[in-house]
Amino acid sequence: MGLSIRIFIVEDDDTIKRLPMIRFERLLNRDPNEKLSKYAGKRIRYALIVVDLVNRRPIEIVKNEFAYLNFDDEGRLEVSEHEQTESLAFDMLNFFTLEQQDKRVIDARHKFSKKRYFDKYRWEPTDEIIAAISEAIFGKFF
């Protein structure tokens, strides 16, 4: 058993295209030689899928994430946007303060951050997109 991460770019026409994990990591790490010119200046949808493997064959989807990637005019990942995503994700955590000033006030900042995060950085896939991703992972007869 093991885990594997699969990255799929979802095109405007809802077709999917596999993005090798090594290229995705190079984009995230701002490798100067890595860019996706086709997506220069665009915001695209992507799916990050974590699959469970047995004998190197996928048997189950363990986790999925449907989000956006923003590219600069050269086709490189915009790091500032990615950092904002991480910052807002951190704000979603509910830290209870021990010394809350007024017990009558409910601190709901984490709930509002969560709503902003999902409204701005996440998208919901259609059944057709889910089926296409499943077929790409498991084959025609999943």
N, C-alpha and C. Protein backbone atom coordinates (compact mmCIF):
# COMPACT_ATOMS: atom_id res chain seq x y z
N MET A 1 0.83 -1.18 0.00
CA MET A 1 0.00 0.00 0.00
C MET A 1 0.87 1.24 0.00
N GLY A 2 0.34 2.29 -0.62
CA GLY A 2 1.02 3.57 -0.67
C GLY A 2 0.08 4.60 -1.23
N LEU A 3 0.52 5.82 -1.22
CA LEU A 3 -0.28 6.91 -1.74
C LEU A 3 0.42 7.54 -2.94
N SER A 4 -0.38 8.05 -3.84
CA SER A 4 0.13 8.73 -5.02
C SER A 4 -0.74 9.96 -5.27
N ILE A 5 -0.11 11.02 -5.76
CA ILE A 5 -0.84 12.24 -6.07
C ILE A 5 -0.92 12.39 -7.58
N ARG A 6 -2.10 12.66 -8.08
CA ARG A 6 -2.32 12.90 -9.50
C ARG A 6 -2.85 14.32 -9.66
N ILE A 7 -2.30 15.03 -10.61
CA ILE A 7 -2.73 16.40 -10.90
C ILE A 7 -3.35 16.42 -12.30
N PHE A 8 -4.54 17.00 -12.39
CA PHE A 8 -5.22 17.14 -13.68
C PHE A 8 -5.59 18.60 -13.89
N ILE A 9 -5.29 19.11 -15.06
CA ILE A 9 -5.75 20.44 -15.45
C ILE A 9 -7.09 20.25 -16.13
N VAL A 10 -8.07 21.06 -15.75
CA VAL A 10 -9.39 20.99 -16.35
C VAL A 10 -9.51 22.16 -17.32
N GLU A 11 -9.60 21.82 -18.59
CA GLU A 11 -9.67 22.84 -19.64
C GLU A 11 -11.02 23.55 -19.62
N ASP A 12 -11.13 24.63 -20.38
CA ASP A 12 -12.38 25.39 -20.44
C ASP A 12 -13.56 24.55 -20.94
N ASP A 13 -13.27 23.55 -21.78
CA ASP A 13 -14.34 22.69 -22.31
C ASP A 13 -14.59 21.47 -21.41
N ASP A 14 -14.04 21.49 -20.19
CA ASP A 14 -14.18 20.44 -19.17
C ASP A 14 -13.43 19.15 -19.48
N THR A 15 -12.59 19.15 -20.51
CA THR A 15 -11.72 17.99 -20.71
C THR A 15 -10.58 18.08 -19.71
N ILE A 16 -9.99 16.93 -19.40
CA ILE A 16 -8.91 16.92 -18.43
C ILE A 16 -7.60 16.57 -19.12
N LYS A 17 -6.53 17.07 -18.52
CA LYS A 17 -5.19 16.83 -19.04
C LYS A 17 -4.29 16.57 -17.84
N ARG A 18 -3.61 15.45 -17.85
CA ARG A 18 -2.74 15.09 -16.72
C ARG A 18 -1.51 15.98 -16.72
N LEU A 19 -1.15 16.48 -15.56
CA LEU A 19 0.06 17.24 -15.37
C LEU A 19 0.97 16.42 -14.47
N PRO A 20 2.12 16.01 -14.98
CA PRO A 20 3.03 15.19 -14.15
C PRO A 20 3.38 15.92 -12.85
N MET A 21 3.44 15.17 -11.78
CA MET A 21 3.70 15.73 -10.46
C MET A 21 5.03 16.48 -10.43
N ILE A 22 6.02 15.98 -11.13
CA ILE A 22 7.33 16.63 -11.13
C ILE A 22 7.25 18.04 -11.73
N ARG A 23 6.43 18.20 -12.78
CA ARG A 23 6.26 19.54 -13.38
C ARG A 23 5.50 20.45 -12.43
N PHE A 24 4.47 19.90 -11.77
CA PHE A 24 3.69 20.68 -10.80
C PHE A 24 4.60 21.17 -9.67
N GLU A 25 5.47 20.31 -9.17
CA GLU A 25 6.39 20.69 -8.10
C GLU A 25 7.36 21.77 -8.58
N ARG A 26 7.84 21.64 -9.81
CA ARG A 26 8.75 22.67 -10.35
C ARG A 26 8.03 24.00 -10.49
N LEU A 27 6.76 23.96 -10.90
CA LEU A 27 5.98 25.22 -10.98
C LEU A 27 5.85 25.84 -9.59
N LEU A 28 5.52 25.03 -8.59
CA LEU A 28 5.37 25.53 -7.23
C LEU A 28 6.68 26.08 -6.68
N ASN A 29 7.79 25.45 -7.06
CA ASN A 29 9.09 25.87 -6.56
C ASN A 29 9.72 26.98 -7.40
N ARG A 30 8.96 27.49 -8.37
CA ARG A 30 9.40 28.59 -9.22
C ARG A 30 10.69 28.28 -9.99
N ASP A 31 10.79 27.06 -10.48
CA ASP A 31 11.92 26.68 -11.32
C ASP A 31 11.93 27.60 -12.54
N PRO A 32 13.05 28.30 -12.80
CA PRO A 32 13.08 29.26 -13.90
C PRO A 32 12.89 28.63 -15.28
N ASN A 33 13.11 27.34 -15.38
CA ASN A 33 12.96 26.65 -16.66
C ASN A 33 11.59 26.03 -16.86
N GLU A 34 10.71 26.14 -15.85
CA GLU A 34 9.40 25.49 -15.93
C GLU A 34 8.31 26.53 -16.09
N LYS A 35 7.54 26.39 -17.15
CA LYS A 35 6.39 27.25 -17.36
C LYS A 35 5.41 26.54 -18.28
N LEU A 36 4.17 26.98 -18.22
CA LEU A 36 3.12 26.46 -19.09
C LEU A 36 2.61 27.63 -19.93
N SER A 37 3.28 27.85 -21.04
CA SER A 37 2.99 29.02 -21.90
C SER A 37 1.54 29.05 -22.36
N LYS A 38 0.94 27.89 -22.52
CA LYS A 38 -0.45 27.81 -22.97
C LYS A 38 -1.40 28.55 -22.02
N TYR A 39 -1.03 28.59 -20.75
CA TYR A 39 -1.89 29.18 -19.73
C TYR A 39 -1.40 30.56 -19.26
N ALA A 40 -0.49 31.17 -20.01
CA ALA A 40 0.06 32.47 -19.63
C ALA A 40 -1.07 33.49 -19.45
N GLY A 41 -1.04 34.16 -18.29
CA GLY A 41 -2.02 35.20 -17.98
C GLY A 41 -3.41 34.68 -17.66
N LYS A 42 -3.54 33.40 -17.41
CA LYS A 42 -4.86 32.82 -17.17
C LYS A 42 -4.99 32.25 -15.76
N ARG A 43 -6.23 32.06 -15.38
CA ARG A 43 -6.60 31.35 -14.15
C ARG A 43 -7.26 30.06 -14.61
N ILE A 44 -6.69 28.93 -14.22
CA ILE A 44 -7.21 27.64 -14.68
C ILE A 44 -7.65 26.79 -13.49
N ARG A 45 -8.54 25.87 -13.80
CA ARG A 45 -9.00 24.91 -12.78
C ARG A 45 -8.06 23.70 -12.79
N TYR A 46 -7.84 23.15 -11.60
CA TYR A 46 -7.08 21.91 -11.53
C TYR A 46 -7.69 21.02 -10.46
N ALA A 47 -7.37 19.74 -10.59
CA ALA A 47 -7.80 18.76 -9.59
C ALA A 47 -6.56 18.06 -9.06
N LEU A 48 -6.43 18.04 -7.75
CA LEU A 48 -5.38 17.29 -7.09
C LEU A 48 -6.05 16.09 -6.46
N ILE A 49 -5.65 14.90 -6.87
CA ILE A 49 -6.29 13.67 -6.42
C ILE A 49 -5.25 12.80 -5.73
N VAL A 50 -5.54 12.36 -4.51
CA VAL A 50 -4.67 11.44 -3.79
C VAL A 50 -5.31 10.06 -3.88
N VAL A 51 -4.53 9.10 -4.41
CA VAL A 51 -5.05 7.75 -4.56
C VAL A 51 -4.24 6.77 -3.72
N ASP A 52 -4.94 5.75 -3.25
CA ASP A 52 -4.31 4.66 -2.52
C ASP A 52 -3.88 3.60 -3.53
N LEU A 53 -2.66 3.10 -3.38
CA LEU A 53 -2.12 2.12 -4.30
C LEU A 53 -1.89 0.78 -3.62
N VAL A 54 -2.16 -0.29 -4.34
CA VAL A 54 -1.80 -1.64 -3.93
C VAL A 54 -1.08 -2.26 -5.12
N ASN A 55 0.13 -2.72 -4.88
CA ASN A 55 0.97 -3.24 -5.97
C ASN A 55 1.08 -2.24 -7.11
N ARG A 56 1.23 -0.96 -6.74
CA ARG A 56 1.41 0.15 -7.67
C ARG A 56 0.19 0.43 -8.55
N ARG A 57 -0.95 -0.15 -8.19
CA ARG A 57 -2.19 0.08 -8.93
C ARG A 57 -3.16 0.86 -8.05
N PRO A 58 -3.79 1.90 -8.61
CA PRO A 58 -4.74 2.67 -7.81
C PRO A 58 -5.99 1.85 -7.48
N ILE A 59 -6.38 1.90 -6.22
CA ILE A 59 -7.58 1.16 -5.81
C ILE A 59 -8.67 2.06 -5.25
N GLU A 60 -8.28 3.26 -4.80
CA GLU A 60 -9.27 4.12 -4.16
C GLU A 60 -8.78 5.57 -4.16
N ILE A 61 -9.72 6.50 -4.32
CA ILE A 61 -9.42 7.93 -4.15
C ILE A 61 -9.57 8.25 -2.67
N VAL A 62 -8.50 8.74 -2.09
CA VAL A 62 -8.47 9.02 -0.66
C VAL A 62 -8.88 10.47 -0.38
N LYS A 63 -8.44 11.38 -1.24
CA LYS A 63 -8.72 12.81 -1.04
C LYS A 63 -8.70 13.49 -2.39
N ASN A 64 -9.51 14.54 -2.50
CA ASN A 64 -9.47 15.34 -3.73
C ASN A 64 -9.56 16.81 -3.36
N GLU A 65 -9.02 17.62 -4.26
CA GLU A 65 -9.05 19.06 -4.09
C GLU A 65 -9.26 19.67 -5.46
N PHE A 66 -10.25 20.51 -5.58
CA PHE A 66 -10.56 21.16 -6.85
C PHE A 66 -10.34 22.66 -6.64
N ALA A 67 -9.28 23.18 -7.24
CA ALA A 67 -8.89 24.57 -6.97
C ALA A 67 -8.43 25.24 -8.26
N TYR A 68 -7.86 26.43 -8.11
CA TYR A 68 -7.42 27.23 -9.24
C TYR A 68 -5.92 27.46 -9.17
N LEU A 69 -5.33 27.61 -10.34
CA LEU A 69 -3.94 28.04 -10.47
C LEU A 69 -3.93 29.31 -11.30
N ASN A 70 -3.19 30.30 -10.86
CA ASN A 70 -3.05 31.55 -11.59
C ASN A 70 -1.66 31.63 -12.18
N PHE A 71 -1.60 31.95 -13.47
CA PHE A 71 -0.33 32.04 -14.16
C PHE A 71 -0.04 33.48 -14.56
N ASP A 72 1.24 33.83 -14.53
CA ASP A 72 1.64 35.18 -14.95
C ASP A 72 1.72 35.23 -16.48
N ASP A 73 2.17 36.35 -17.01
CA ASP A 73 2.20 36.55 -18.46
C ASP A 73 3.20 35.65 -19.17
N GLU A 74 4.09 35.02 -18.43
CA GLU A 74 5.07 34.12 -19.04
C GLU A 74 4.68 32.65 -18.89
N GLY A 75 3.61 32.38 -18.15
CA GLY A 75 3.18 31.00 -17.95
C GLY A 75 3.73 30.36 -16.69
N ARG A 76 4.24 31.19 -15.79
CA ARG A 76 4.74 30.68 -14.52
C ARG A 76 3.66 30.89 -13.45
N LEU A 77 3.67 30.02 -12.47
CA LEU A 77 2.70 30.10 -11.39
C LEU A 77 2.90 31.38 -10.60
N GLU A 78 1.81 32.09 -10.33
CA GLU A 78 1.89 33.31 -9.52
C GLU A 78 1.99 32.93 -8.06
N VAL A 79 3.15 33.14 -7.49
CA VAL A 79 3.40 32.74 -6.11
C VAL A 79 2.61 33.58 -5.13
N SER A 80 2.45 34.87 -5.39
CA SER A 80 1.74 35.73 -4.44
C SER A 80 0.31 35.24 -4.23
N GLU A 81 -0.34 34.81 -5.31
CA GLU A 81 -1.71 34.29 -5.20
C GLU A 81 -1.71 32.99 -4.41
N HIS A 82 -0.72 32.15 -4.65
CA HIS A 82 -0.61 30.88 -3.92
C HIS A 82 -0.39 31.14 -2.43
N GLU A 83 0.43 32.14 -2.10
CA GLU A 83 0.67 32.48 -0.70
C GLU A 83 -0.59 33.02 -0.03
N GLN A 84 -1.39 33.80 -0.77
CA GLN A 84 -2.65 34.31 -0.22
C GLN A 84 -3.58 33.15 0.09
N THR A 85 -3.59 32.14 -0.76
CA THR A 85 -4.42 30.96 -0.53
C THR A 85 -4.02 30.30 0.78
N GLU A 86 -2.72 30.12 0.97
CA GLU A 86 -2.23 29.48 2.19
C GLU A 86 -2.55 30.32 3.42
N SER A 87 -2.43 31.63 3.29
CA SER A 87 -2.72 32.52 4.42
C SER A 87 -4.19 32.44 4.82
N LEU A 88 -5.07 32.46 3.84
CA LEU A 88 -6.49 32.39 4.13
C LEU A 88 -6.85 31.01 4.70
N ALA A 89 -6.19 29.97 4.22
CA ALA A 89 -6.42 28.62 4.76
C ALA A 89 -6.03 28.58 6.24
N PHE A 90 -4.95 29.25 6.60
CA PHE A 90 -4.54 29.31 8.00
C PHE A 90 -5.56 30.07 8.84
N ASP A 91 -6.13 31.12 8.26
CA ASP A 91 -7.14 31.91 8.98
C ASP A 91 -8.41 31.10 9.27
N MET A 92 -8.63 30.03 8.52
CA MET A 92 -9.83 29.22 8.74
C MET A 92 -9.76 28.41 10.03
N LEU A 93 -8.55 28.22 10.53
CA LEU A 93 -8.40 27.44 11.75
C LEU A 93 -9.04 28.18 12.91
N ASN A 94 -9.71 27.44 13.76
CA ASN A 94 -10.43 28.02 14.88
C ASN A 94 -9.56 27.93 16.13
N PHE A 95 -8.86 29.01 16.44
CA PHE A 95 -8.06 29.06 17.65
C PHE A 95 -8.87 29.74 18.74
N PHE A 96 -9.12 29.01 19.79
CA PHE A 96 -9.86 29.59 20.90
C PHE A 96 -8.88 30.34 21.79
N THR A 97 -9.17 31.60 22.02
CA THR A 97 -8.30 32.37 22.91
C THR A 97 -8.75 32.15 24.35
N LEU A 98 -7.77 32.01 25.20
CA LEU A 98 -8.07 31.77 26.62
C LEU A 98 -8.62 33.01 27.30
N GLU A 99 -8.18 34.16 26.84
CA GLU A 99 -8.60 35.40 27.48
C GLU A 99 -9.47 36.21 26.55
N GLN A 100 -10.62 35.70 26.24
CA GLN A 100 -11.54 36.44 25.38
C GLN A 100 -12.11 37.60 26.18
N GLN A 101 -12.08 38.78 25.59
CA GLN A 101 -12.48 39.99 26.30
C GLN A 101 -13.94 39.95 26.74
N ASP A 102 -14.83 39.74 25.82
CA ASP A 102 -16.26 39.81 26.11
C ASP A 102 -16.88 38.46 25.78
N LYS A 103 -17.37 37.77 26.79
CA LYS A 103 -17.94 36.43 26.59
C LYS A 103 -19.23 36.46 25.79
N ARG A 104 -19.83 37.63 25.64
CA ARG A 104 -21.07 37.74 24.88
C ARG A 104 -20.81 37.82 23.37
N VAL A 105 -19.56 38.05 23.00
CA VAL A 105 -19.20 38.18 21.59
C VAL A 105 -18.66 36.84 21.09
N ILE A 106 -19.21 36.39 20.01
CA ILE A 106 -18.76 35.13 19.41
C ILE A 106 -17.77 35.45 18.31
N ASP A 107 -16.59 34.85 18.41
CA ASP A 107 -15.55 35.07 17.39
C ASP A 107 -15.79 34.09 16.25
N ALA A 108 -16.29 34.60 15.13
CA ALA A 108 -16.61 33.75 13.97
C ALA A 108 -15.70 34.04 12.78
N ARG A 109 -14.55 34.66 13.04
CA ARG A 109 -13.64 35.00 11.93
C ARG A 109 -13.25 33.78 11.12
N HIS A 110 -13.03 32.65 11.79
CA HIS A 110 -12.61 31.45 11.07
C HIS A 110 -13.72 30.96 10.12
N LYS A 111 -14.99 31.18 10.50
CA LYS A 111 -16.09 30.77 9.63
C LYS A 111 -16.16 31.64 8.38
N PHE A 112 -15.94 32.94 8.57
CA PHE A 112 -15.95 33.85 7.42
C PHE A 112 -14.74 33.60 6.51
N SER A 113 -13.61 33.30 7.12
CA SER A 113 -12.41 32.97 6.33
C SER A 113 -12.64 31.71 5.50
N LYS A 114 -13.31 30.75 6.10
CA LYS A 114 -13.59 29.50 5.38
C LYS A 114 -14.50 29.77 4.18
N LYS A 115 -15.51 30.58 4.36
CA LYS A 115 -16.41 30.92 3.26
C LYS A 115 -15.65 31.65 2.16
N ARG A 116 -14.84 32.64 2.53
CA ARG A 116 -14.04 33.37 1.53
C ARG A 116 -13.10 32.43 0.80
N TYR A 117 -12.49 31.52 1.53
CA TYR A 117 -11.55 30.57 0.95
C TYR A 117 -12.23 29.70 -0.11
N PHE A 118 -13.36 29.12 0.24
CA PHE A 118 -14.05 28.23 -0.70
C PHE A 118 -14.69 29.00 -1.85
N ASP A 119 -15.14 30.23 -1.61
CA ASP A 119 -15.71 31.04 -2.70
C ASP A 119 -14.65 31.46 -3.70
N LYS A 120 -13.46 31.79 -3.22
CA LYS A 120 -12.43 32.36 -4.09
C LYS A 120 -11.49 31.32 -4.68
N TYR A 121 -11.20 30.25 -3.96
CA TYR A 121 -10.13 29.36 -4.38
C TYR A 121 -10.56 27.93 -4.72
N ARG A 122 -11.81 27.62 -4.58
CA ARG A 122 -12.27 26.26 -4.86
C ARG A 122 -13.40 26.28 -5.87
N TRP A 123 -13.61 25.15 -6.55
CA TRP A 123 -14.71 24.99 -7.49
C TRP A 123 -15.25 23.58 -7.35
N GLU A 124 -16.50 23.39 -7.77
CA GLU A 124 -17.16 22.09 -7.67
C GLU A 124 -17.18 21.42 -9.05
N PRO A 125 -16.66 20.20 -9.14
CA PRO A 125 -16.64 19.51 -10.43
C PRO A 125 -18.01 18.96 -10.80
N THR A 126 -18.24 18.85 -12.11
CA THR A 126 -19.46 18.21 -12.59
C THR A 126 -19.28 16.70 -12.53
N ASP A 127 -20.38 15.98 -12.68
CA ASP A 127 -20.30 14.51 -12.70
C ASP A 127 -19.44 14.03 -13.86
N GLU A 128 -19.48 14.75 -14.98
CA GLU A 128 -18.69 14.37 -16.15
C GLU A 128 -17.19 14.52 -15.88
N ILE A 129 -16.82 15.58 -15.18
CA ILE A 129 -15.40 15.77 -14.84
C ILE A 129 -14.94 14.69 -13.88
N ILE A 130 -15.76 14.38 -12.90
CA ILE A 130 -15.41 13.31 -11.94
C ILE A 130 -15.26 11.98 -12.67
N ALA A 131 -16.16 11.70 -13.61
CA ALA A 131 -16.08 10.45 -14.38
C ALA A 131 -14.81 10.41 -15.23
N ALA A 132 -14.46 11.54 -15.85
CA ALA A 132 -13.25 11.58 -16.68
C ALA A 132 -11.99 11.37 -15.83
N ILE A 133 -11.96 11.96 -14.65
CA ILE A 133 -10.82 11.78 -13.76
C ILE A 133 -10.74 10.34 -13.28
N SER A 134 -11.88 9.77 -12.92
CA SER A 134 -11.90 8.37 -12.48
C SER A 134 -11.43 7.44 -13.59
N GLU A 135 -11.86 7.71 -14.81
CA GLU A 135 -11.43 6.88 -15.95
C GLU A 135 -9.93 7.02 -16.18
N ALA A 136 -9.41 8.23 -16.03
CA ALA A 136 -7.98 8.45 -16.21
C ALA A 136 -7.16 7.73 -15.14
N ILE A 137 -7.71 7.63 -13.94
CA ILE A 137 -6.99 6.98 -12.84
C ILE A 137 -7.15 5.46 -12.88
N PHE A 138 -8.38 4.99 -13.01
CA PHE A 138 -8.67 3.57 -12.87
C PHE A 138 -8.82 2.83 -14.19
N GLY A 139 -8.95 3.54 -15.28
CA GLY A 139 -9.18 2.89 -16.56
C GLY A 139 -10.66 2.94 -16.92
N LYS A 140 -10.98 2.37 -18.06
CA LYS A 140 -12.34 2.46 -18.62
C LYS A 140 -13.39 1.82 -17.71
N PHE A 141 -13.07 0.70 -17.08
CA PHE A 141 -14.07 -0.04 -16.29
C PHE A 141 -13.74 0.08 -14.81
N PHE A 142 -14.01 1.23 -14.24
CA PHE A 142 -13.73 1.44 -12.82
C PHE A 142 -14.91 1.04 -11.97
